[in-house]
């Protein structure tokens, strides 16, 4: 009888260990899935940030190119006036 009770206890213990192992495996799978989801979200967010930064840099470059072009155009347009002013200033 004690042998029977002992074997029942061992079987119950094995079943409990198996159930615990299954729970731990499921938790590990869920954890790895959450980690993968977070990594994907982080990569997507970083890519979006890089795209926005690139867009901002191109806008700023366009503004600077425009300002330089306007400055060169103004310098060309008013070059005769500027040269005459310089000549009058130096003489």
Protein backbone atom coordinates (compact mmCIF):
# COMPACT_ATOMS: atom_id res chain seq x y z
CA UNK A 1 0.00 0.00 0.00
CA UNK A 2 2.81 2.40 0.83
CA UNK A 3 4.41 1.50 -2.47
CA UNK A 4 1.17 2.40 -4.24
CA UNK A 5 0.84 5.70 -2.36
CA UNK A 6 4.48 6.49 -3.05
CA UNK A 7 4.10 5.79 -6.78
CA UNK A 8 0.94 7.96 -6.85
CA UNK A 9 2.87 10.78 -5.16
CA UNK A 10 5.76 10.41 -7.61
CA UNK A 11 3.36 10.47 -10.55
CA UNK A 12 1.61 13.54 -9.15
CA UNK A 13 4.99 15.17 -8.60
CA UNK A 14 6.06 14.40 -12.18
CA UNK A 15 2.76 15.74 -13.51
CA UNK A 16 3.18 18.90 -11.47
CA UNK A 17 6.76 19.32 -12.71
CA UNK A 18 5.62 18.81 -16.30
CA UNK A 19 2.84 21.37 -15.87
CA UNK A 20 5.29 23.85 -14.32
CA UNK A 21 7.74 23.27 -17.16
CA UNK A 22 4.99 23.89 -19.72
CA UNK A 23 4.05 27.13 -17.95
CA UNK A 24 7.69 28.24 -17.94
CA UNK A 25 8.06 27.36 -21.63
CA UNK A 26 4.92 29.34 -22.47
CA UNK A 27 6.21 32.30 -20.45
CA UNK A 28 9.57 32.11 -22.23
CA UNK A 29 7.84 32.09 -25.63
CA UNK A 30 5.66 35.05 -24.61
CA UNK A 31 8.71 36.91 -23.32
CA UNK A 32 10.67 36.32 -26.52
CA UNK A 33 7.63 37.41 -28.55
CA UNK A 34 7.32 40.62 -26.49
CA UNK A 35 11.04 41.29 -26.91
CA UNK A 36 10.73 40.82 -30.68
CA UNK A 37 7.70 43.13 -30.83
CA UNK A 38 9.52 45.81 -28.79
CA UNK A 39 12.61 45.51 -30.99
CA UNK A 40 10.50 45.85 -34.14
CA UNK A 41 8.70 48.88 -32.68
CA UNK A 42 12.03 50.47 -31.69
CA UNK A 43 13.50 49.88 -35.15
CA UNK A 44 10.40 51.31 -36.82
CA UNK A 45 10.49 54.37 -34.56
CA UNK A 46 14.21 54.90 -35.25
CA UNK A 47 13.63 54.61 -39.01
CA UNK A 48 10.82 57.15 -38.79
CA UNK A 49 13.07 59.48 -36.77
CA UNK A 50 15.85 59.15 -39.35
CA UNK A 51 13.41 59.88 -42.19
CA UNK A 52 12.11 62.98 -40.40
CA UNK A 53 15.66 64.15 -39.70
CA UNK A 54 16.64 63.63 -43.36
CA UNK A 55 13.55 65.57 -44.46
CA UNK A 56 14.41 68.42 -42.09
CA UNK A 57 18.04 68.49 -43.31
CA UNK A 58 16.93 68.70 -46.95
CA UNK A 59 14.52 71.55 -46.13
CA UNK A 60 17.28 73.43 -44.32
CA UNK A 61 19.69 72.82 -47.20
CA UNK A 62 17.07 74.18 -49.61
CA UNK A 63 16.67 77.31 -47.50
CA UNK A 64 20.43 77.87 -47.41
CA UNK A 65 20.77 77.32 -51.16
CA UNK A 66 17.93 79.78 -51.72
CA UNK A 67 19.54 82.38 -49.46
CA UNK A 68 22.89 81.98 -51.19
CA UNK A 69 21.23 82.27 -54.59
CA UNK A 70 19.33 85.41 -53.54
CA UNK A 71 22.53 86.88 -52.10
CA UNK A 72 24.47 86.22 -55.28
CA UNK A 73 21.62 87.60 -57.37
CA UNK A 74 21.48 90.75 -55.23
CA UNK A 75 25.26 91.13 -55.39
CA UNK A 76 25.12 90.87 -59.18
CA UNK A 77 22.13 93.21 -59.44
CA UNK A 78 23.64 95.90 -57.23
CA UNK A 79 27.28 95.39 -58.20
CA UNK A 80 27.47 98.59 -60.23
CA UNK A 81 25.98 100.61 -57.36
CA UNK A 82 28.32 98.95 -54.90
CA UNK A 83 31.39 99.62 -57.04
CA UNK A 84 30.41 103.28 -57.49
CA UNK A 85 29.81 103.61 -53.73
CA UNK A 86 33.21 102.05 -53.02
CA UNK A 87 34.84 104.38 -55.53
CA UNK A 88 33.23 107.42 -53.96
CA UNK A 89 34.15 106.21 -50.48
CA UNK A 90 37.79 105.63 -51.36
CA UNK A 91 38.23 108.92 -53.24
